[in-house]
Amino acid sequence: MKAHVLATALLISVAADSRAIAADLQQPFIVPEANPASTEGWAFAATPYFWGAGILGDVEQFGLPAVHLESDFGDVLKDLDFGFMAVGEARYDRFSIFGDIIYTKVSSGAATPLGVVAERVEATSETFAGLAAAGYAVFQDGRSNIDIVAGARVWLASTEISFSGGVLGRISGRDSATWVDAMAAFRGRYFLTDHFYLNAWGLVGAGQADLDWDLAAGVGYEFNDRISTVAGYRALGIDYNNDRFVFDVVQQGPILGLLVRF
């Protein structure tokens, strides 16, 4: 009788272990959540990035005729004084808040041909674009998601020209404009493997500008739950024209970023 009871208990134990093993075998390919440590609250991420963008378009300032710009990133880099670019995000379940900041300061100078009116002309241009938006995930599967987004982008474009020597020596002038555009967008991320993923965004809007658009796509690699890197290509266009201040340009080029979650 004891042997029968012992055999029955052994069979029950083996069956239970088999069910546990079978359950475990069904789990290893399930993708973990993007932020396992923060699944019950807010999750935050910051992505400083480098954008090797050239510029193409037309600019009109100081009441002068429009100037056509056509420079690759190498040309821009020679005159670049300072640049800062970063994306920040806060996410709670399907809801997200994020922002994107782009700031560049470029200076250039040249001697005048005769040096009578002025011996040298110096120009400094600053451009700031700040996007603030909120999103909702219409698709969410583990770490993969597609969000619809609405927000606004603020632009500031400014140029200062100064003369030295000659008749116009020590004379300077500044022309600038600030405007805001409403933006609608999608953005998403799709994991191909446990580490590699695709990400993209597309924004379009208008307001004080006639057209404001932004497209980007890339491939990312997630080292762990906290650190990822992404490389891709971005193109951004703006068409603003008001009171003889024209900023109608397209910037595009490769992009490289480092994503840090905390």
Protein backbone atom coordinates (compact mmCIF):
# COMPACT_ATOMS: atom_id res chain seq x y z
CA MET A 1 0.00 0.00 0.00
CA LYS A 2 2.83 2.37 0.88
CA ALA A 3 4.54 1.53 -2.41
CA HIS A 4 1.33 2.33 -4.30
CA VAL A 5 0.97 5.70 -2.51
CA LEU A 6 4.63 6.49 -3.16
CA ALA A 7 4.29 5.66 -6.86
CA THR A 8 1.16 7.80 -7.16
CA ALA A 9 2.90 10.76 -5.49
CA LEU A 10 5.88 10.32 -7.76
CA LEU A 11 3.67 10.35 -10.89
CA ILE A 12 1.90 13.54 -9.69
CA SER A 13 5.25 15.21 -9.06
CA VAL A 14 6.59 14.22 -12.48
CA ALA A 15 3.40 15.49 -14.19
CA ALA A 16 3.61 18.79 -12.35
CA ASP A 17 7.25 19.20 -13.29
CA SER A 18 6.40 18.37 -16.91
CA ARG A 19 3.72 21.04 -17.00
CA ALA A 20 6.17 23.58 -15.51
CA ILE A 21 8.84 22.65 -18.06
CA ALA A 22 6.34 22.87 -20.91
CA ALA A 23 5.22 26.30 -19.69
CA ASP A 24 8.83 27.45 -19.53
CA LEU A 25 9.49 26.19 -23.05
CA GLN A 26 6.66 28.40 -24.32
CA GLN A 27 8.19 31.56 -22.82
CA PRO A 28 11.80 32.14 -23.99
CA PHE A 29 10.92 33.90 -27.25
CA ILE A 30 8.48 36.35 -25.68
CA VAL A 31 10.03 39.82 -25.96
CA PRO A 32 10.36 41.60 -22.60
CA GLU A 33 8.89 45.02 -21.99
CA ALA A 34 10.95 48.02 -23.02
CA ASN A 35 11.45 49.15 -19.43
CA PRO A 36 10.93 46.16 -17.11
CA ALA A 37 11.88 48.16 -14.04
CA SER A 38 9.20 50.80 -14.73
CA THR A 39 6.21 48.86 -16.06
CA GLU A 40 3.93 50.24 -13.33
CA GLY A 41 4.91 53.88 -13.70
CA TRP A 42 6.58 56.44 -15.89
CA ALA A 43 9.61 55.49 -17.98
CA PHE A 44 12.06 58.11 -19.22
CA ALA A 45 14.62 58.23 -22.05
CA ALA A 46 17.05 60.77 -23.48
CA THR A 47 18.76 60.61 -26.87
CA PRO A 48 21.53 63.07 -27.73
CA TYR A 49 22.34 62.71 -31.41
CA PHE A 50 24.61 63.89 -34.20
CA TRP A 51 23.05 64.94 -37.50
CA GLY A 52 25.40 65.46 -40.45
CA ALA A 53 22.95 67.58 -42.41
CA GLY A 54 23.56 69.59 -45.54
CA ILE A 55 21.23 72.43 -46.51
CA LEU A 56 19.44 73.38 -49.72
CA GLY A 57 17.03 76.25 -50.26
CA ASP A 58 16.45 80.01 -50.31
CA VAL A 59 16.89 82.61 -47.59
CA GLU A 60 15.89 86.28 -47.73
CA GLN A 61 16.75 88.77 -44.98
CA PHE A 62 17.52 92.48 -44.44
CA GLY A 63 15.24 93.36 -47.35
CA LEU A 64 17.85 92.06 -49.80
CA PRO A 65 17.14 89.67 -52.68
CA ALA A 66 16.84 85.99 -51.79
CA VAL A 67 20.06 84.00 -51.54
CA HIS A 68 20.15 80.41 -52.76
CA LEU A 69 21.92 78.01 -50.37
CA GLU A 70 23.42 74.71 -51.44
CA SER A 71 25.95 73.30 -48.96
CA ASP A 72 26.85 69.77 -47.95
CA PHE A 73 27.68 68.95 -44.34
CA GLY A 74 31.42 69.43 -44.92
CA ASP A 75 30.78 73.04 -45.90
CA VAL A 76 28.52 73.61 -42.89
CA LEU A 77 30.98 71.97 -40.49
CA LYS A 78 33.78 74.38 -41.45
CA ASP A 79 31.72 77.33 -40.22
CA LEU A 80 29.93 75.62 -37.31
CA ASP A 81 30.50 77.33 -33.95
CA PHE A 82 28.17 75.20 -31.86
CA GLY A 83 25.44 72.62 -32.28
CA PHE A 84 23.19 70.69 -29.92
CA MET A 85 20.56 68.09 -30.79
CA ALA A 86 18.59 65.80 -28.48
CA VAL A 87 15.29 63.96 -28.06
CA GLY A 88 13.65 63.35 -24.67
CA GLU A 89 10.69 61.11 -23.87
CA ALA A 90 8.45 60.19 -20.94
CA ARG A 91 6.15 57.19 -21.38
CA TYR A 92 3.34 55.74 -19.27
CA ASP A 93 1.70 52.61 -20.67
CA ARG A 94 0.37 53.70 -24.11
CA PHE A 95 0.78 57.43 -23.45
CA SER A 96 3.93 59.43 -24.17
CA ILE A 97 5.28 62.97 -24.04
CA PHE A 98 8.38 63.84 -26.00
CA GLY A 99 10.43 66.71 -27.34
CA ASP A 100 13.14 67.33 -29.93
CA ILE A 101 15.62 70.22 -29.83
CA ILE A 102 17.91 71.38 -32.63
CA TYR A 103 20.22 74.38 -32.18
CA THR A 104 23.05 75.49 -34.47
CA LYS A 105 25.26 78.56 -34.62
CA VAL A 106 27.26 79.18 -37.80
CA SER A 107 29.71 82.01 -38.49
CA SER A 108 31.47 83.03 -41.68
CA GLY A 109 33.41 86.00 -42.96
CA ALA A 110 35.00 87.34 -46.12
CA ALA A 111 37.05 90.29 -47.30
CA THR A 112 35.38 92.67 -49.73
CA PRO A 113 36.92 93.05 -53.20
CA LEU A 114 37.94 96.74 -52.98
CA GLY A 115 37.79 97.41 -49.25
CA VAL A 116 36.36 100.92 -49.67
CA VAL A 117 32.80 100.50 -48.40
CA ALA A 118 34.02 97.86 -45.94
CA GLU A 119 37.17 95.83 -45.65
CA ARG A 120 35.49 92.73 -44.27
CA VAL A 121 31.98 91.38 -43.69
CA GLU A 122 31.14 88.91 -40.91
CA ALA A 123 27.87 86.97 -40.65
CA THR A 124 26.56 84.84 -37.78
CA SER A 125 23.41 82.73 -38.15
CA GLU A 126 21.53 80.93 -35.40
CA THR A 127 18.72 78.44 -35.89
CA PHE A 128 16.59 76.87 -33.16
CA ALA A 129 13.78 74.35 -33.62
CA GLY A 130 11.98 72.95 -30.58
CA LEU A 131 9.25 70.32 -30.84
CA ALA A 132 6.91 69.41 -27.98
CA ALA A 133 4.30 66.69 -28.53
CA ALA A 134 2.13 64.03 -26.92
CA GLY A 135 1.42 60.59 -28.34
CA TYR A 136 -0.75 57.50 -27.94
CA ALA A 137 0.25 53.97 -28.99
CA VAL A 138 -2.34 52.61 -31.42
CA PHE A 139 -0.23 49.45 -31.71
CA GLN A 140 1.81 47.95 -28.90
CA ASP A 141 3.35 44.49 -28.79
CA GLY A 142 6.05 44.01 -26.18
CA ARG A 143 8.74 46.54 -27.02
CA SER A 144 7.35 47.31 -30.49
CA ASN A 145 4.91 50.20 -30.90
CA ILE A 146 3.34 52.69 -33.32
CA ASP A 147 2.24 56.05 -31.87
CA ILE A 148 0.08 58.80 -33.28
CA VAL A 149 1.34 62.21 -32.21
CA ALA A 150 0.15 65.82 -32.00
CA GLY A 151 2.14 68.84 -30.92
CA ALA A 152 3.81 72.09 -31.93
CA ARG A 153 7.21 73.21 -33.14
CA VAL A 154 8.77 76.61 -32.37
CA TRP A 155 11.32 78.06 -34.77
CA LEU A 156 13.82 80.89 -34.36
CA ALA A 157 16.04 81.96 -37.26
CA SER A 158 18.40 84.87 -36.82
CA THR A 159 21.30 86.41 -38.77
CA GLU A 160 23.64 89.21 -37.71
CA ILE A 161 25.90 91.00 -40.21
CA SER A 162 28.74 93.29 -39.18
CA PHE A 163 31.20 95.36 -41.21
CA SER A 164 34.76 96.31 -40.36
CA GLY A 165 36.97 98.91 -42.01
CA GLY A 166 35.99 101.27 -44.79
CA VAL A 167 32.97 103.56 -44.76
CA LEU A 168 30.70 101.02 -43.03
CA GLY A 169 33.22 100.04 -40.36
CA ARG A 170 31.66 99.10 -36.99
CA ILE A 171 28.15 99.03 -38.45
CA SER A 172 26.08 95.92 -37.81
CA GLY A 173 22.53 94.76 -38.31
CA ARG A 174 20.33 91.88 -37.23
CA ASP A 175 17.27 90.29 -38.84
CA SER A 176 15.29 87.49 -37.21
CA ALA A 177 11.92 85.76 -37.08
CA THR A 178 10.13 83.47 -34.65
CA TRP A 179 7.16 81.32 -35.54
CA VAL A 180 5.11 78.33 -34.37
CA ASP A 181 3.61 75.45 -36.36
CA ALA A 182 1.09 72.81 -35.31
CA MET A 183 2.36 69.29 -36.04
CA ALA A 184 0.76 65.86 -36.51
CA ALA A 185 2.83 62.72 -36.76
CA PHE A 186 3.40 59.04 -36.36
CA ARG A 187 6.44 57.37 -34.89
CA GLY A 188 7.25 53.77 -34.15
CA ARG A 189 9.72 51.06 -33.33
CA TYR A 190 9.71 47.42 -34.40
CA PHE A 191 12.05 44.77 -33.00
CA LEU A 192 13.50 42.38 -35.57
CA THR A 193 15.40 40.36 -32.93
CA ASP A 194 16.03 40.64 -29.21
CA HIS A 195 18.56 43.41 -29.94
CA PHE A 196 18.03 44.87 -33.44
CA TYR A 197 15.07 47.12 -34.23
CA LEU A 198 13.77 49.53 -36.84
CA ASN A 199 12.52 52.97 -35.90
CA ALA A 200 10.97 55.83 -37.85
CA TRP A 201 8.96 58.99 -37.56
CA GLY A 202 7.09 61.27 -39.90
CA LEU A 203 5.79 64.73 -39.00
CA VAL A 204 3.91 67.27 -41.07
CA GLY A 205 2.34 70.57 -40.11
CA ALA A 206 1.80 74.24 -40.81
CA GLY A 207 0.82 77.41 -39.04
CA GLN A 208 2.82 80.55 -39.44
CA ALA A 209 4.92 78.58 -41.92
CA ASP A 210 3.31 77.36 -45.12
CA LEU A 211 4.76 73.87 -44.61
CA ASP A 212 6.79 72.15 -41.89
CA TRP A 213 7.79 68.50 -42.31
CA ASP A 214 10.24 66.01 -40.82
CA LEU A 215 11.05 62.41 -41.83
CA ALA A 216 13.53 59.99 -40.26
CA ALA A 217 14.24 56.26 -40.36
CA GLY A 218 16.99 54.15 -38.87
CA VAL A 219 18.24 50.87 -37.43
CA GLY A 220 18.91 50.50 -33.73
CA TYR A 221 20.78 48.08 -31.51
CA GLU A 222 19.79 47.58 -27.87
CA PHE A 223 22.79 46.62 -25.72
CA ASN A 224 20.64 46.15 -22.60
CA ASP A 225 17.48 47.53 -20.96
CA ARG A 226 19.16 50.94 -20.51
CA ILE A 227 21.41 51.64 -23.50
CA SER A 228 20.69 51.62 -27.24
CA THR A 229 22.30 53.16 -30.31
CA VAL A 230 20.61 54.11 -33.56
CA ALA A 231 21.86 55.11 -37.02
CA GLY A 232 19.76 56.33 -39.92
CA TYR A 233 18.82 59.22 -42.18
CA ARG A 234 16.77 62.36 -41.54
CA ALA A 235 15.27 65.04 -43.79
CA LEU A 236 13.58 68.18 -42.47
CA GLY A 237 11.94 70.95 -44.49
CA ILE A 238 10.51 74.34 -43.60
CA ASP A 239 8.84 76.95 -45.85
CA TYR A 240 8.40 80.26 -44.00
CA ASN A 241 7.77 83.59 -45.70
CA ASN A 242 6.64 86.69 -43.84
CA ASP A 243 7.37 90.40 -44.24
CA ARG A 244 10.35 89.81 -46.56
CA PHE A 245 11.89 87.27 -44.21
CA VAL A 246 12.17 84.00 -46.13
CA PHE A 247 13.41 80.71 -44.72
CA ASP A 248 12.62 78.03 -47.30
CA VAL A 249 15.15 75.23 -46.81
CA VAL A 250 15.56 71.47 -46.64
CA GLN A 251 18.16 69.92 -44.36
CA GLN A 252 19.06 66.25 -44.75
CA GLY A 253 21.80 63.80 -43.92
CA PRO A 254 22.84 60.79 -41.79
CA ILE A 255 22.01 60.69 -38.10
CA LEU A 256 23.64 58.83 -35.19
CA GLY A 257 22.24 58.77 -31.66
CA LEU A 258 22.66 57.19 -28.23
CA LEU A 259 19.49 56.34 -26.28
CA VAL A 260 19.68 56.16 -22.48
CA ARG A 261 16.70 54.97 -20.37
CA PHE A 262 16.35 55.80 -16.69
